PDB file of N, CA and C in Angstrom:
ATOM      1  N   MET A   1      80.558 107.056 218.301  1.00  0.00           N
ATOM      2  CA  MET A   1      81.647 107.234 217.503  1.00  0.00           C
ATOM      3  C   MET A   1      81.865 105.931 217.000  1.00  0.00           C
ATOM      4  N   GLN A   2      82.033 104.907 217.716  1.00  0.00           N
ATOM      5  CA  GLN A   2      82.272 103.618 217.200  1.00  0.00           C
ATOM      6  C   GLN A   2      81.078 102.909 216.192  1.00  0.00           C
ATOM      7  N   GLU A   3      80.085 103.637 216.216  1.00  0.00           N
ATOM      8  CA  GLU A   3      78.785 103.218 215.505  1.00  0.00           C
ATOM      9  C   GLU A   3      79.259 103.811 214.021  1.00  0.00           C
ATOM     10  N   GLU A   4      79.602 105.003 214.334  1.00  0.00           N
ATOM     11  CA  GLU A   4      79.728 105.856 212.695  1.00  0.00           C
ATOM     12  C   GLU A   4      81.111 104.965 212.176  1.00  0.00           C
ATOM     13  N   LEU A   5      81.950 104.648 212.936  1.00  0.00           N
ATOM     14  CA  LEU A   5      83.260 103.999 212.361  1.00  0.00           C
ATOM     15  C   LEU A   5      82.580 102.765 211.556  1.00  0.00           C
ATOM     16  N   ASN A   6      81.557 101.690 212.258  1.00  0.00           N
ATOM     17  CA  ASN A   6      81.111 100.697 211.778  1.00  0.00           C
ATOM     18  C   ASN A   6      80.276 100.954 210.300  1.00  0.00           C
ATOM     19  N   ARG A   7      79.603 101.983 210.512  1.00  0.00           N
ATOM     20  CA  ARG A   7      79.128 102.286 209.216  1.00  0.00           C
ATOM     21  C   ARG A   7      79.634 102.538 207.752  1.00  0.00           C
ATOM     22  N   THR A   8      80.965 103.349 208.258  1.00  0.00           N
ATOM     23  CA  THR A   8      81.520 103.315 207.071  1.00  0.00           C
ATOM     24  C   THR A   8      82.590 102.371 206.666  1.00  0.00           C
ATOM     25  N   ALA A   9      82.821 101.989 205.251  1.00  0.00           N
ATOM     26  CA  ALA A   9      83.526 101.083 204.571  1.00  0.00           C
ATOM     27  C   ALA A   9      84.866 101.463 204.586  1.00  0.00           C
ATOM     28  N   THR A  10      85.804  99.810 204.878  1.00  0.00           N
ATOM     29  CA  THR A  10      86.981 100.326 204.604  1.00  0.00           C
ATOM     30  C   THR A  10      87.579 100.718 203.229  1.00  0.00           C
ATOM     31  N   ARG A  11      88.683 100.915 202.928  1.00  0.00           N
ATOM     32  CA  ARG A  11      89.049 101.242 201.161  1.00  0.00           C
ATOM     33  C   ARG A  11      88.877  99.607 200.857  1.00  0.00           C
ATOM     34  N   GLY A  12      89.303  98.440 201.431  1.00  0.00           N
ATOM     35  CA  GLY A  12      88.940  97.159 200.648  1.00  0.00           C
ATOM     36  C   GLY A  12      87.708  96.829 200.248  1.00  0.00           C
ATOM     37  N   GLU A  13      87.010  96.988 201.318  1.00  0.00           N
ATOM     38  CA  GLU A  13      85.426  96.792 201.024  1.00  0.00           C
ATOM     39  C   GLU A  13      84.910  97.621 199.927  1.00  0.00           C
ATOM     40  N   ALA A  14      85.032  99.021 199.986  1.00  0.00           N
ATOM     41  CA  ALA A  14      84.460  99.939 198.760  1.00  0.00           C
ATOM     42  C   ALA A  14      85.225  99.297 197.351  1.00  0.00           C
ATOM     43  N   GLU A  15      86.471  99.175 197.273  1.00  0.00           N
ATOM     44  CA  GLU A  15      87.085  98.447 196.149  1.00  0.00           C
ATOM     45  C   GLU A  15      86.316  97.526 195.691  1.00  0.00           C
ATOM     46  N   GLN A  16      85.486  96.774 196.457  1.00  0.00           N
ATOM     47  CA  GLN A  16      84.856  95.569 196.217  1.00  0.00           C
ATOM     48  C   GLN A  16      83.485  95.714 195.878  1.00  0.00           C
ATOM     49  N   GLY A  17      82.845  96.979 195.736  1.00  0.00           N
ATOM     50  CA  GLY A  17      81.680  97.192 195.943  1.00  0.00           C
ATOM     51  C   GLY A  17      80.663  96.949 196.814  1.00  0.00           C
ATOM     52  N   ARG A  18      81.323  97.166 198.198  1.00  0.00           N
ATOM     53  CA  ARG A  18      80.381  96.629 199.340  1.00  0.00           C
ATOM     54  C   ARG A  18      80.269  97.732 200.075  1.00  0.00           C
ATOM     55  N   GLY A  19      80.626  99.037 199.733  1.00  0.00           N
ATOM     56  CA  GLY A  19      80.654 100.105 200.633  1.00  0.00           C
ATOM     57  C   GLY A  19      81.107 101.659 199.708  1.00  0.00           C
ATOM     58  N   LEU A  20      80.600 102.588 200.549  1.00  0.00           N
ATOM     59  CA  LEU A  20      80.850 103.795 199.625  1.00  0.00           C
ATOM     60  C   LEU A  20      82.157 104.506 200.171  1.00  0.00           C
ATOM     61  N   TRP A  21      83.103 105.324 199.276  1.00  0.00           N
ATOM     62  CA  TRP A  21      84.208 105.653 199.418  1.00  0.00           C
ATOM     63  C   TRP A  21      83.974 107.250 200.229  1.00  0.00           C
ATOM     64  N   THR A  22      84.725 107.493 200.949  1.00  0.00           N
ATOM     65  CA  THR A  22      84.882 109.100 201.499  1.00  0.00           C
ATOM     66  C   THR A  22      85.454 110.023 200.362  1.00  0.00           C
ATOM     67  N   THR A  23      85.600 111.362 200.672  1.00  0.00           N
ATOM     68  CA  THR A  23      86.135 112.125 199.945  1.00  0.00           C
ATOM     69  C   THR A  23      87.441 111.612 200.011  1.00  0.00           C
ATOM     70  N   GLU A  24      88.360 111.519 200.695  1.00  0.00           N
ATOM     71  CA  GLU A  24      89.700 111.248 200.752  1.00  0.00           C
ATOM     72  C   GLU A  24      89.898 109.776 199.942  1.00  0.00           C
ATOM     73  N   GLU A  25      89.284 108.691 200.195  1.00  0.00           N
ATOM     74  CA  GLU A  25      89.514 107.470 199.212  1.00  0.00           C
ATOM     75  C   GLU A  25      89.066 107.934 197.914  1.00  0.00           C
ATOM     76  N   THR A  26      87.979 108.735 197.661  1.00  0.00           N
ATOM     77  CA  THR A  26      87.803 109.162 196.331  1.00  0.00           C
ATOM     78  C   THR A  26      88.889 110.004 195.672  1.00  0.00           C
ATOM     79  N   ALA A  27      89.599 110.745 196.178  1.00  0.00           N
ATOM     80  CA  ALA A  27      90.790 111.656 196.280  1.00  0.00           C
ATOM     81  C   ALA A  27      91.791 110.729 195.639  1.00  0.00           C
ATOM     82  N   ASP A  28      91.855 109.778 196.365  1.00  0.00           N
ATOM     83  CA  ASP A  28      93.404 108.765 196.066  1.00  0.00           C
ATOM     84  C   ASP A  28      93.066 108.154 194.744  1.00  0.00           C
ATOM     85  N   TRP A  29      91.849 107.362 194.598  1.00  0.00           N
ATOM     86  CA  TRP A  29      91.415 106.853 193.532  1.00  0.00           C
ATOM     87  C   TRP A  29      91.546 107.858 192.210  1.00  0.00           C
ATOM     88  N   LEU A  30      91.134 108.892 192.095  1.00  0.00           N
ATOM     89  CA  LEU A  30      91.087 109.861 191.201  1.00  0.00           C
ATOM     90  C   LEU A  30      92.703 110.343 190.842  1.00  0.00           C
ATOM     91  N   ALA A  31      93.494 110.142 191.768  1.00  0.00           N
ATOM     92  CA  ALA A  31      94.627 110.985 191.684  1.00  0.00           C
ATOM     93  C   ALA A  31      94.432 112.334 192.043  1.00  0.00           C
ATOM     94  N   VAL A  32      93.701 112.743 192.670  1.00  0.00           N
ATOM     95  CA  VAL A  32      93.679 114.615 193.031  1.00  0.00           C
ATOM     96  C   VAL A  32      93.702 114.835 194.430  1.00  0.00           C
ATOM     97  N   SER A  33      93.587 115.786 194.710  1.00  0.00           N
ATOM     98  CA  SER A  33      93.595 116.345 196.335  1.00  0.00           C
ATOM     99  C   SER A  33      92.148 116.028 196.583  1.00  0.00           C
ATOM    100  N   PRO A  34      92.013 116.044 197.751  1.00  0.00           N
ATOM    101  CA  PRO A  34      90.783 115.907 198.211  1.00  0.00           C
ATOM    102  C   PRO A  34      89.858 117.110 198.428  1.00  0.00           C
ATOM    103  N   ARG A  35      90.997 118.408 198.176  1.00  0.00           N
ATOM    104  CA  ARG A  35      90.101 119.666 198.043  1.00  0.00           C
ATOM    105  C   ARG A  35      89.516 119.811 196.858  1.00  0.00           C
ATOM    106  N   MET A  36      90.160 119.201 195.504  1.00  0.00           N
ATOM    107  CA  MET A  36      89.493 119.116 194.448  1.00  0.00           C
ATOM    108  C   MET A  36      88.180 118.289 194.192  1.00  0.00           C
ATOM    109  N   VAL A  37      88.233 117.282 194.913  1.00  0.00           N
ATOM    110  CA  VAL A  37      86.977 116.450 195.049  1.00  0.00           C
ATOM    111  C   VAL A  37      85.952 117.331 195.573  1.00  0.00           C
ATOM    112  N   ARG A  38      86.232 117.851 196.804  1.00  0.00           N
ATOM    113  CA  ARG A  38      85.051 118.978 197.591  1.00  0.00           C
ATOM    114  C   ARG A  38      84.739 119.799 196.403  1.00  0.00           C
ATOM    115  N   ARG A  39      85.573 120.578 195.796  1.00  0.00           N
ATOM    116  CA  ARG A  39      85.075 121.257 194.684  1.00  0.00           C
ATOM    117  C   ARG A  39      84.241 120.871 193.782  1.00  0.00           C
ATOM    118  N   LEU A  40      84.211 119.455 193.066  1.00  0.00           N
ATOM    119  CA  LEU A  40      83.904 119.162 192.353  1.00  0.00           C
ATOM    120  C   LEU A  40      81.929 118.808 192.825  1.00  0.00           C
ATOM    121  N   VAL A  41      82.393 118.326 193.918  1.00  0.00           N
ATOM    122  CA  VAL A  41      80.877 117.995 194.605  1.00  0.00           C
ATOM    123  C   VAL A  41      79.999 119.499 195.143  1.00  0.00           C
ATOM    124  N   ALA A  42      81.178 120.601 195.252  1.00  0.00           N
ATOM    125  CA  ALA A  42      80.356 122.059 195.290  1.00  0.00           C
ATOM    126  C   ALA A  42      79.501 122.819 194.177  1.00  0.00           C
ATOM    127  N   GLU A  43      80.389 122.143 192.925  1.00  0.00           N
ATOM    128  CA  GLU A  43      80.061 122.604 191.508  1.00  0.00           C
ATOM    129  C   GLU A  43      79.224 121.622 190.893  1.00  0.00           C
ATOM    130  N   ARG A  44      78.241 120.346 191.864  1.00  0.00           N
ATOM    131  CA  ARG A  44      77.707 119.228 191.144  1.00  0.00           C
ATOM    132  C   ARG A  44      78.314 118.624 189.940  1.00  0.00           C
ATOM    133  N   ARG A  45      79.531 118.452 189.961  1.00  0.00           N
ATOM    134  CA  ARG A  45      80.176 117.898 188.774  1.00  0.00           C
ATOM    135  C   ARG A  45      80.469 116.627 188.983  1.00  0.00           C
ATOM    136  N   ILE A  46      80.406 115.828 189.934  1.00  0.00           N
ATOM    137  CA  ILE A  46      80.895 114.483 190.193  1.00  0.00           C
ATOM    138  C   ILE A  46      79.345 114.001 191.140  1.00  0.00           C
ATOM    139  N   PRO A  47      79.224 112.695 190.614  1.00  0.00           N
ATOM    140  CA  PRO A  47      77.982 112.006 191.240  1.00  0.00           C
ATOM    141  C   PRO A  47      78.333 111.673 192.868  1.00  0.00           C
ATOM    142  N   TYR A  48      77.325 112.057 193.761  1.00  0.00           N
ATOM    143  CA  TYR A  48      77.703 111.846 195.060  1.00  0.00           C
ATOM    144  C   TYR A  48      76.596 111.522 195.755  1.00  0.00           C
ATOM    145  N   VAL A  49      76.613 110.862 196.790  1.00  0.00           N
ATOM    146  CA  VAL A  49      75.303 110.622 197.854  1.00  0.00           C
ATOM    147  C   VAL A  49      75.780 111.067 199.254  1.00  0.00           C
ATOM    148  N   LYS A  50      74.429 111.766 199.589  1.00  0.00           N
ATOM    149  CA  LYS A  50      74.447 112.088 200.979  1.00  0.00           C
ATOM    150  C   LYS A  50      74.247 111.170 201.741  1.00  0.00           C
ATOM    151  N   VAL A  51      74.837 110.902 203.318  1.00  0.00           N
ATOM    152  CA  VAL A  51      74.211 109.991 204.102  1.00  0.00           C
ATOM    153  C   VAL A  51      74.389 110.870 205.242  1.00  0.00           C
ATOM    154  N   GLY A  52      73.416 111.485 205.609  1.00  0.00           N
ATOM    155  CA  GLY A  52      73.160 112.285 206.775  1.00  0.00           C
ATOM    156  C   GLY A  52      73.998 113.667 206.202  1.00  0.00           C
ATOM    157  N   ARG A  53      75.000 114.093 207.284  1.00  0.00           N
ATOM    158  CA  ARG A  53      75.599 115.316 206.679  1.00  0.00           C
ATOM    159  C   ARG A  53      76.858 114.875 206.054  1.00  0.00           C
ATOM    160  N   TYR A  54      77.138 113.566 205.598  1.00  0.00           N
ATOM    161  CA  TYR A  54      78.375 113.155 205.072  1.00  0.00           C
ATOM    162  C   TYR A  54      78.367 113.030 203.594  1.00  0.00           C
ATOM    163  N   VAL A  55      79.494 113.298 202.798  1.00  0.00           N
ATOM    164  CA  VAL A  55      79.174 113.025 201.492  1.00  0.00           C
ATOM    165  C   VAL A  55      79.970 112.026 201.399  1.00  0.00           C
ATOM    166  N   ARG A  56      79.590 110.755 200.434  1.00  0.00           N
ATOM    167  CA  ARG A  56      79.934 109.601 200.181  1.00  0.00           C
ATOM    168  C   ARG A  56      79.925 109.552 198.657  1.00  0.00           C
ATOM    169  N   PHE A  57      80.757 108.646 198.178  1.00  0.00           N
ATOM    170  CA  PHE A  57      80.756 108.359 196.440  1.00  0.00           C
ATOM    171  C   PHE A  57      80.574 106.772 196.668  1.00  0.00           C
ATOM    172  N   ARG A  58      79.507 106.279 195.192  1.00  0.00           N
ATOM    173  CA  ARG A  58      79.744 105.079 194.888  1.00  0.00           C
ATOM    174  C   ARG A  58      80.597 104.829 194.114  1.00  0.00           C
ATOM    175  N   PRO A  59      81.861 103.839 194.142  1.00  0.00           N
ATOM    176  CA  PRO A  59      82.932 103.576 193.495  1.00  0.00           C
ATOM    177  C   PRO A  59      82.451 103.318 191.927  1.00  0.00           C
ATOM    178  N   GLU A  60      81.432 102.657 191.707  1.00  0.00           N
ATOM    179  CA  GLU A  60      80.688 102.408 190.410  1.00  0.00           C
ATOM    180  C   GLU A  60      80.180 103.532 189.587  1.00  0.00           C
ATOM    181  N   ASP A  61      79.779 104.419 190.446  1.00  0.00           N
ATOM    182  CA  ASP A  61      79.421 105.679 189.865  1.00  0.00           C
ATOM    183  C   ASP A  61      80.587 106.827 189.585  1.00  0.00           C
ATOM    184  N   VAL A  62      81.449 106.797 190.465  1.00  0.00           N
ATOM    185  CA  VAL A  62      82.695 107.518 190.273  1.00  0.00           C
ATOM    186  C   VAL A  62      83.563 107.142 188.569  1.00  0.00           C
ATOM    187  N   GLU A  63      83.587 105.772 189.051  1.00  0.00           N
ATOM    188  CA  GLU A  63      84.245 105.293 187.829  1.00  0.00           C
ATOM    189  C   GLU A  63      83.799 105.452 186.405  1.00  0.00           C
ATOM    190  N   ALA A  64      82.248 105.319 186.237  1.00  0.00           N
ATOM    191  CA  ALA A  64      81.302 105.994 185.156  1.00  0.00           C
ATOM    192  C   ALA A  64      81.719 107.488 184.895  1.00  0.00           C
ATOM    193  N   TRP A  65      81.743 108.050 185.988  1.00  0.00           N
ATOM    194  CA  TRP A  65      82.123 109.792 185.703  1.00  0.00           C
ATOM    195  C   TRP A  65      83.698 109.875 184.946  1.00  0.00           C
ATOM    196  N   ARG A  66      84.112 109.212 185.687  1.00  0.00           N
ATOM    197  CA  ARG A  66      85.660 109.276 185.162  1.00  0.00           C
ATOM    198  C   ARG A  66      85.748 108.952 183.686  1.00  0.00           C
ATOM    199  N   ASP A  67      85.159 107.764 183.405  1.00  0.00           N
ATOM    200  CA  ASP A  67      85.289 107.359 181.879  1.00  0.00           C
ATOM    201  C   ASP A  67      84.366 108.348 180.843  1.00  0.00           C
ATOM    202  N   GLY A  68      83.733 109.098 181.671  1.00  0.00           N
ATOM    203  CA  GLY A  68      82.862 110.027 180.938  1.00  0.00           C
ATOM    204  C   GLY A  68      83.684 111.182 180.611  1.00  0.00           C
ATOM    205  N   GLN A  69      84.712 111.387 181.456  1.00  0.00           N
ATOM    206  CA  GLN A  69      85.485 112.722 181.144  1.00  0.00           C
ATOM    207  C   GLN A  69      86.126 112.606 180.079  1.00  0.00           C
ATOM    208  N   VAL A  70      86.488 111.625 179.442  1.00  0.00           N
ATOM    209  CA  VAL A  70      87.335 111.214 178.283  1.00  0.00           C
ATOM    210  C   VAL A  70      86.980 112.391 177.251  1.00  0.00           C
ATOM    211  N   CYS A  71      88.194 112.900 176.602  1.00  0.00           N
ATOM    212  CA  CYS A  71      87.673 113.937 175.421  1.00  0.00           C
ATOM    213  C   CYS A  71      88.524 113.286 174.336  1.00  0.00           C
ATOM    214  N   PRO A  72      87.664 113.079 173.307  1.00  0.00           N
ATOM    215  CA  PRO A  72      88.483 112.378 171.938  1.00  0.00           C
ATOM    216  C   PRO A  72      89.471 113.253 171.234  1.00  0.00           C
ATOM    217  N   ALA A  73      90.386 112.644 170.480  1.00  0.00           N
ATOM    218  CA  ALA A  73      91.417 113.425 169.965  1.00  0.00           C
ATOM    219  C   ALA A  73      90.671 114.104 168.529  1.00  0.00           C
ATOM    220  N   VAL A  74      91.026 115.039 168.213  1.00  0.00           N
ATOM    221  CA  VAL A  74      90.387 115.699 167.246  1.00  0.00           C
ATOM    222  C   VAL A  74      91.692 115.762 166.201  1.00  0.00           C
ATOM    223  N   VAL A  75      91.471 115.421 164.747  1.00  0.00           N
ATOM    224  CA  VAL A  75      92.386 115.553 163.678  1.00  0.00           C
ATOM    225  C   VAL A  75      92.385 116.386 163.052  1.00  0.00           C
ATOM    226  N   ILE A  76      93.058 117.121 162.733  1.00  0.00           N
ATOM    227  CA  ILE A  76      93.077 118.404 161.699  1.00  0.00           C
ATOM    228  C   ILE A  76      93.787 118.047 160.541  1.00  0.00           C
ATOM    229  N   GLN A  77      93.236 117.874 159.510  1.00  0.00           N
ATOM    230  CA  GLN A  77      93.641 118.146 158.236  1.00  0.00           C
ATOM    231  C   GLN A  77      94.178 119.257 157.672  1.00  0.00           C
ATOM    232  N   ARG A  78      95.453 119.477 157.270  1.00  0.00           N
ATOM    233  CA  ARG A  78      95.710 120.843 156.917  1.00  0.00           C
ATOM    234  C   ARG A  78      95.712 120.632 155.345  1.00  0.00           C
ATOM    235  N   PRO A  79      95.309 121.700 154.776  1.00  0.00           N
ATOM    236  CA  PRO A  79      95.312 121.807 152.934  1.00  0.00           C
ATOM    237  C   PRO A  79      96.683 121.737 152.714  1.00  0.00           C
ATOM    238  N   ARG A  80      97.006 121.070 151.664  1.00  0.00           N
ATOM    239  CA  ARG A  80      98.537 120.635 151.247  1.00  0.00           C
ATOM    240  C   ARG A  80      98.754 121.450 150.085  1.00  0.00           C
ATOM    241  N   LEU A  81      99.880 122.126 150.283  1.00  0.00           N
ATOM    242  CA  LEU A  81     100.519 123.061 149.186  1.00  0.00           C
ATOM    243  C   LEU A  81     100.615 122.240 147.795  1.00  0.00           C
ATOM    244  N   VAL A  82      99.883 122.568 146.741  1.00  0.00           N
ATOM    245  CA  VAL A  82     100.255 122.168 145.415  1.00  0.00           C
ATOM    246  C   VAL A  82     100.969 123.108 144.788  1.00  0.00           C
ATOM    247  N   SER A  83     102.692 122.756 144.564  1.00  0.00           N
ATOM    248  CA  SER A  83     103.157 123.682 143.861  1.00  0.00           C
ATOM    249  C   SER A  83     103.349 123.042 142.082  1.00  0.00           C
TER     250      SER A  83
END
């Protein structure tokens, strides 16, 4: 058990790029529920890493994925009525 704890990074280490995030840490960073993160994993919509049977996330991959989720605004020009 202690060995497993030593292998997982703390949130501070993960934020500095020295470790992997857990589902809960990823959910906190994205401001969503852990259930939503698990759903994204099940649908293969978010990049993740399998460490044995555990799902982990690289902070830089999650940030790049989030940045790619931005939908640009669409400007609709309406025809002007000429009187």
